């Protein structure tokens, strides 16, 4: 600072001006989000280091995707099959054929790698709004033969949705599958706190198993409504096996193995908490 003051006081003619140059002012800015930081990592280094952008969509990827994008490279083995994939758009192209018809390219990347999708004519016009780098997409389609030219196999896109809107559109609720021995006062207290913290409009269903008798009861909570999020599911997996009830009323159990909680205090089901008023599902 002393040197800056000295230099500021010397004029072009050797005299003293008596003025000082002010230090540059740095305007405050909002901190970068985790996604922005990861994009900077990929841009500078070429790979993601501290995480992956899809980590925030693990629930959607596990629940709705049926394959990874690199499997589409072996397209011959998928002829006639429906595939559902999710990922982040890494690059796009908007092109025009020699006859003046628009088409586009979309490269989707997930944990396994990347795959290039082609969108021709009507499909391009229908889905071109999704051709934007950085979007998180869920793509449904099938492997069919082209209706023109050499009739080679291609992946025909049937539907595209945003990954961050998938849960609100397609999830009716969650299901918990527990053994009867694990139901205790600490278990219900923990579950009650989690449900109150994640209150929403989705349903919560319990599947209670009795391994000794070989029976299972399905019970729907009438009074508890929840909001399905990745963090909520992570917490639930610590105390129970978790399933997702889709918009088609199908329950898809998530694949991770859950360690049974050590909860020794037992209680009668439905007697200690007003949050879970259960009724048998017909």
Protein backbone atom coordinates (compact mmCIF):
# COMPACT_ATOMS: atom_id res chain seq x y z
CA UNK A 1 0.00 0.00 0.00
CA UNK A 2 2.92 2.35 0.75
CA UNK A 3 4.36 1.73 -2.72
CA UNK A 4 0.95 2.37 -4.30
CA UNK A 5 0.71 5.67 -2.43
CA UNK A 6 4.20 6.71 -3.54
CA UNK A 7 3.54 5.85 -7.20
CA UNK A 8 0.20 7.64 -7.16
CA UNK A 9 1.78 10.89 -5.99
CA UNK A 10 4.32 11.13 -8.81
CA UNK A 11 3.09 13.06 -11.86
CA UNK A 12 4.35 12.72 -15.42
CA UNK A 13 6.36 15.95 -14.93
CA UNK A 14 8.10 14.83 -11.75
CA UNK A 15 5.88 16.78 -9.41
CA UNK A 16 3.59 15.58 -6.68
CA UNK A 17 -0.12 15.39 -7.44
CA UNK A 18 -1.22 14.75 -3.88
CA UNK A 19 -3.82 12.13 -5.00
CA UNK A 20 -3.95 8.39 -4.42
CA UNK A 21 -5.24 5.67 -6.71
CA UNK A 22 -8.06 3.78 -4.94
CA UNK A 23 -7.66 0.02 -4.57
CA UNK A 24 -9.92 -2.04 -6.85
CA UNK A 25 -13.27 -2.81 -5.29
CA UNK A 26 -14.43 -6.42 -5.45
CA UNK A 27 -18.20 -6.73 -5.63
CA UNK A 28 -19.75 -9.50 -3.48
CA UNK A 29 -21.20 -12.41 -5.48
CA UNK A 30 -23.30 -15.44 -4.65
CA UNK A 31 -21.27 -18.60 -3.93
CA UNK A 32 -21.10 -21.10 -6.79
CA UNK A 33 -23.48 -24.04 -6.50
CA UNK A 34 -22.13 -27.59 -6.33
CA UNK A 35 -23.25 -28.20 -9.92
CA UNK A 36 -21.38 -25.09 -11.13
CA UNK A 37 -18.23 -26.17 -9.28
CA UNK A 38 -18.40 -29.61 -10.91
CA UNK A 39 -18.85 -28.04 -14.35
CA UNK A 40 -15.73 -25.92 -13.76
CA UNK A 41 -13.81 -29.08 -12.75
CA UNK A 42 -14.85 -30.84 -15.94
CA UNK A 43 -13.99 -27.79 -18.05
CA UNK A 44 -10.51 -27.34 -16.54
CA UNK A 45 -9.42 -30.92 -15.80
CA UNK A 46 -11.56 -32.90 -18.23
CA UNK A 47 -13.14 -35.13 -15.56
CA UNK A 48 -15.27 -34.71 -12.45
CA UNK A 49 -13.16 -34.92 -9.28
CA UNK A 50 -15.11 -34.04 -6.14
CA UNK A 51 -18.35 -35.69 -7.29
CA UNK A 52 -20.70 -36.15 -10.22
CA UNK A 53 -23.64 -33.91 -11.22
CA UNK A 54 -25.93 -36.94 -11.25
CA UNK A 55 -25.32 -37.63 -7.54
CA UNK A 56 -28.29 -35.34 -6.80
CA UNK A 57 -30.52 -37.56 -8.96
CA UNK A 58 -29.57 -40.97 -7.59
CA UNK A 59 -33.16 -41.70 -6.57
CA UNK A 60 -34.52 -40.92 -10.05
CA UNK A 61 -31.73 -42.89 -11.76
CA UNK A 62 -32.20 -45.96 -9.55
CA UNK A 63 -35.98 -45.91 -9.77
CA UNK A 64 -36.81 -45.10 -13.39
CA UNK A 65 -33.78 -45.94 -15.54
CA UNK A 66 -33.59 -49.47 -16.95
CA UNK A 67 -30.12 -49.28 -18.51
CA UNK A 68 -27.00 -47.14 -18.74
CA UNK A 69 -26.24 -45.12 -21.85
CA UNK A 70 -23.17 -47.14 -22.87
CA UNK A 71 -25.39 -50.22 -23.29
CA UNK A 72 -26.96 -48.46 -26.28
CA UNK A 73 -23.65 -48.84 -28.14
CA UNK A 74 -24.44 -52.57 -28.40
CA UNK A 75 -27.61 -51.74 -30.27
CA UNK A 76 -27.96 -55.15 -31.97
CA UNK A 77 -28.66 -56.87 -28.65
CA UNK A 78 -31.43 -54.36 -27.86
CA UNK A 79 -33.54 -54.72 -31.02
CA UNK A 80 -37.22 -54.44 -30.19
CA UNK A 81 -36.58 -53.49 -26.56
CA UNK A 82 -37.71 -50.41 -24.64
CA UNK A 83 -34.96 -48.51 -22.81
CA UNK A 84 -35.06 -45.74 -20.23
CA UNK A 85 -31.90 -43.76 -19.53
CA UNK A 86 -30.98 -40.64 -17.61
CA UNK A 87 -28.03 -38.29 -17.66
CA UNK A 88 -26.65 -34.84 -18.26
CA UNK A 89 -26.47 -33.24 -21.71
CA UNK A 90 -22.78 -32.70 -22.45
CA UNK A 91 -23.11 -31.28 -25.99
CA UNK A 92 -25.66 -30.63 -28.73
CA UNK A 93 -25.74 -29.73 -32.41
CA UNK A 94 -28.44 -28.04 -34.45
CA UNK A 95 -27.98 -28.91 -38.13
CA UNK A 96 -29.74 -28.77 -41.48
CA UNK A 97 -29.89 -31.43 -44.21
CA UNK A 98 -29.07 -30.69 -47.85
CA UNK A 99 -32.79 -30.56 -48.53
CA UNK A 100 -33.34 -27.93 -45.84
CA UNK A 101 -34.82 -30.15 -43.13
CA UNK A 102 -33.63 -29.56 -39.55
CA UNK A 103 -32.10 -32.25 -37.37
CA UNK A 104 -30.05 -32.36 -34.22
CA UNK A 105 -27.57 -34.34 -32.14
CA UNK A 106 -27.63 -34.78 -28.39
CA UNK A 107 -24.85 -36.38 -26.35
CA UNK A 108 -26.07 -37.71 -23.01
CA UNK A 109 -23.59 -38.66 -20.29
CA UNK A 110 -24.11 -40.79 -17.17
CA UNK A 111 -21.80 -42.65 -14.76
CA UNK A 112 -20.95 -45.28 -17.40
CA UNK A 113 -20.00 -42.96 -20.26
CA UNK A 114 -21.82 -41.19 -23.08
CA UNK A 115 -24.06 -41.86 -26.08
CA UNK A 116 -25.07 -39.75 -29.07
CA UNK A 117 -28.78 -39.50 -29.92
CA UNK A 118 -29.99 -38.31 -33.32
CA UNK A 119 -33.21 -36.37 -33.72
CA UNK A 120 -34.66 -36.08 -37.22
CA UNK A 121 -37.41 -33.85 -38.62
CA UNK A 122 -40.57 -34.22 -36.50
CA UNK A 123 -38.68 -35.62 -33.48
CA UNK A 124 -36.26 -32.70 -33.64
CA UNK A 125 -39.09 -30.16 -33.73
CA UNK A 126 -40.82 -31.94 -30.83
CA UNK A 127 -37.80 -32.20 -28.53
CA UNK A 128 -35.46 -29.38 -29.62
CA UNK A 129 -36.17 -27.43 -26.42
CA UNK A 130 -34.26 -30.16 -24.55
CA UNK A 131 -31.15 -29.75 -26.72
CA UNK A 132 -29.30 -27.57 -24.25
CA UNK A 133 -25.95 -28.42 -22.59
CA UNK A 134 -26.20 -28.89 -18.85
CA UNK A 135 -29.78 -30.14 -18.72
CA UNK A 136 -30.52 -33.31 -16.73
CA UNK A 137 -32.75 -35.50 -18.89
CA UNK A 138 -34.75 -38.72 -18.67
CA UNK A 139 -35.14 -40.33 -22.10
CA UNK A 140 -37.51 -43.15 -23.07
CA UNK A 141 -37.43 -44.96 -26.38
CA UNK A 142 -36.86 -48.19 -28.22
CA UNK A 143 -34.46 -49.80 -30.64
CA UNK A 144 -36.14 -50.18 -34.05
CA UNK A 145 -35.14 -50.33 -37.69
CA UNK A 146 -35.18 -47.18 -39.76
CA UNK A 147 -38.15 -46.84 -42.05
CA UNK A 148 -35.96 -45.43 -44.79
CA UNK A 149 -32.54 -45.87 -46.37
CA UNK A 150 -30.49 -48.88 -45.27
CA UNK A 151 -33.00 -49.76 -42.50
CA UNK A 152 -30.28 -50.10 -39.90
CA UNK A 153 -31.12 -50.21 -36.21
CA UNK A 154 -31.53 -46.92 -34.37
CA UNK A 155 -32.67 -45.72 -30.98
CA UNK A 156 -36.02 -44.01 -31.52
CA UNK A 157 -36.79 -41.46 -28.80
CA UNK A 158 -40.39 -41.61 -27.62
CA UNK A 159 -40.35 -39.19 -24.70
CA UNK A 160 -38.00 -36.76 -22.94
CA UNK A 161 -38.50 -35.25 -19.49
CA UNK A 162 -36.43 -33.25 -17.05
CA UNK A 163 -34.92 -35.43 -14.32
CA UNK A 164 -35.70 -32.89 -11.61
CA UNK A 165 -39.44 -33.04 -12.46
CA UNK A 166 -39.64 -36.82 -12.66
CA UNK A 167 -40.39 -37.55 -8.99
CA UNK A 168 -43.24 -35.04 -8.75
CA UNK A 169 -44.85 -36.43 -11.91
CA UNK A 170 -44.35 -40.17 -11.50
CA UNK A 171 -44.09 -40.96 -7.81
CA UNK A 172 -47.26 -41.62 -5.83
CA UNK A 173 -45.44 -42.44 -2.63
CA UNK A 174 -42.93 -44.57 -0.77
CA UNK A 175 -43.16 -48.04 0.74
CA UNK A 176 -41.27 -49.38 3.74
CA UNK A 177 -40.74 -53.12 4.19
CA UNK A 178 -39.90 -54.09 7.77
CA UNK A 179 -39.77 -57.23 9.86
CA UNK A 180 -42.17 -57.19 12.74
CA UNK A 181 -39.32 -57.55 15.25
CA UNK A 182 -37.83 -54.19 14.21
CA UNK A 183 -40.97 -52.20 15.08
CA UNK A 184 -40.25 -50.48 18.38
CA UNK A 185 -40.66 -47.14 20.13
CA UNK A 186 -37.27 -45.79 18.89
CA UNK A 187 -38.09 -46.95 15.35
CA UNK A 188 -41.46 -45.18 15.29
CA UNK A 189 -40.02 -42.07 16.94
CA UNK A 190 -37.26 -41.84 14.32
CA UNK A 191 -39.71 -42.43 11.46
CA UNK A 192 -42.16 -39.88 12.83
CA UNK A 193 -39.46 -37.19 12.94
CA UNK A 194 -38.36 -37.94 9.37
CA UNK A 195 -41.92 -37.79 8.04
CA UNK A 196 -42.67 -34.50 9.77
CA UNK A 197 -39.43 -33.05 8.39
CA UNK A 198 -40.37 -34.21 4.86
CA UNK A 199 -44.08 -33.43 4.84
CA UNK A 200 -45.75 -33.38 1.42
CA UNK A 201 -48.51 -34.93 -0.68
CA UNK A 202 -47.20 -38.45 -1.40
CA UNK A 203 -48.43 -41.58 0.38
CA UNK A 204 -46.55 -43.86 2.77
CA UNK A 205 -47.22 -47.61 2.80
CA UNK A 206 -45.86 -50.21 5.20
CA UNK A 207 -45.18 -53.87 4.42
CA UNK A 208 -44.81 -55.71 7.73
CA UNK A 209 -43.27 -59.19 7.54
CA UNK A 210 -43.43 -62.00 10.05
CA UNK A 211 -40.76 -64.51 9.06
CA UNK A 212 -41.88 -66.96 11.75
CA UNK A 213 -45.44 -67.17 10.46
CA UNK A 214 -44.47 -66.55 6.84
CA UNK A 215 -47.00 -63.74 6.35
CA UNK A 216 -46.89 -60.10 5.25
CA UNK A 217 -49.39 -57.30 5.87
CA UNK A 218 -49.74 -54.19 3.71
CA UNK A 219 -50.81 -51.07 5.60
CA UNK A 220 -51.41 -47.54 4.30
CA UNK A 221 -50.90 -44.52 6.52
CA UNK A 222 -54.04 -42.39 6.37
CA UNK A 223 -52.70 -39.38 8.26
CA UNK A 224 -49.10 -39.12 7.03
CA UNK A 225 -48.19 -37.52 3.70
CA UNK A 226 -44.57 -37.12 2.62
CA UNK A 227 -42.34 -35.36 0.10
CA UNK A 228 -40.04 -37.75 -1.77
CA UNK A 229 -36.45 -36.52 -1.99
CA UNK A 230 -33.01 -38.10 -2.27
CA UNK A 231 -32.07 -37.09 1.27
CA UNK A 232 -35.30 -38.48 2.71
CA UNK A 233 -34.73 -41.83 1.02
CA UNK A 234 -31.13 -41.96 2.30
CA UNK A 235 -32.39 -41.50 5.86
CA UNK A 236 -35.13 -44.12 5.43
CA UNK A 237 -32.65 -46.68 4.09
CA UNK A 238 -30.87 -46.55 7.42
CA UNK A 239 -33.88 -47.99 9.23
CA UNK A 240 -35.82 -49.98 6.62
CA UNK A 241 -35.99 -51.36 3.09
CA UNK A 242 -37.42 -48.67 0.80
CA UNK A 243 -39.59 -48.97 -2.29
CA UNK A 244 -41.07 -46.41 -4.68
CA UNK A 245 -44.75 -46.47 -5.61
CA UNK A 246 -44.94 -45.21 -9.21
CA UNK A 247 -47.76 -43.49 -11.06
CA UNK A 248 -48.86 -46.94 -12.28
CA UNK A 249 -49.29 -48.12 -8.66
CA UNK A 250 -46.27 -50.41 -9.00
CA UNK A 251 -43.79 -50.70 -6.14
CA UNK A 252 -40.16 -50.78 -7.21
CA UNK A 253 -37.87 -51.77 -4.36
CA UNK A 254 -34.53 -50.00 -4.33
CA UNK A 255 -31.65 -52.41 -4.65
CA UNK A 256 -29.26 -51.35 -1.91
CA UNK A 257 -28.91 -53.78 0.97
CA UNK A 258 -30.11 -52.26 4.23
CA UNK A 259 -28.52 -53.10 7.57
CA UNK A 260 -31.22 -53.93 10.07
CA UNK A 261 -31.31 -51.45 12.96
CA UNK A 262 -30.61 -52.73 16.43
CA UNK A 263 -33.75 -51.63 18.25
CA UNK A 264 -34.44 -53.81 21.23
CA UNK A 265 -37.49 -52.18 22.75
CA UNK A 266 -40.67 -53.66 21.25
CA UNK A 267 -44.15 -52.24 21.22
CA UNK A 268 -47.53 -53.01 19.78
CA UNK A 269 -48.00 -51.66 16.26
CA UNK A 270 -50.08 -48.52 15.95
CA UNK A 271 -50.40 -47.78 19.67
CA UNK A 272 -47.85 -45.05 20.41
CA UNK A 273 -47.94 -42.49 17.60
CA UNK A 274 -50.83 -40.38 16.27
CA UNK A 275 -48.83 -39.72 13.09
CA UNK A 276 -49.32 -43.21 11.64
CA UNK A 277 -52.99 -44.13 11.59
CA UNK A 278 -52.75 -47.33 9.59
CA UNK A 279 -55.39 -49.20 7.67
CA UNK A 280 -55.20 -52.45 5.78
CA UNK A 281 -54.85 -52.10 2.02
CA UNK A 282 -57.40 -54.20 0.14
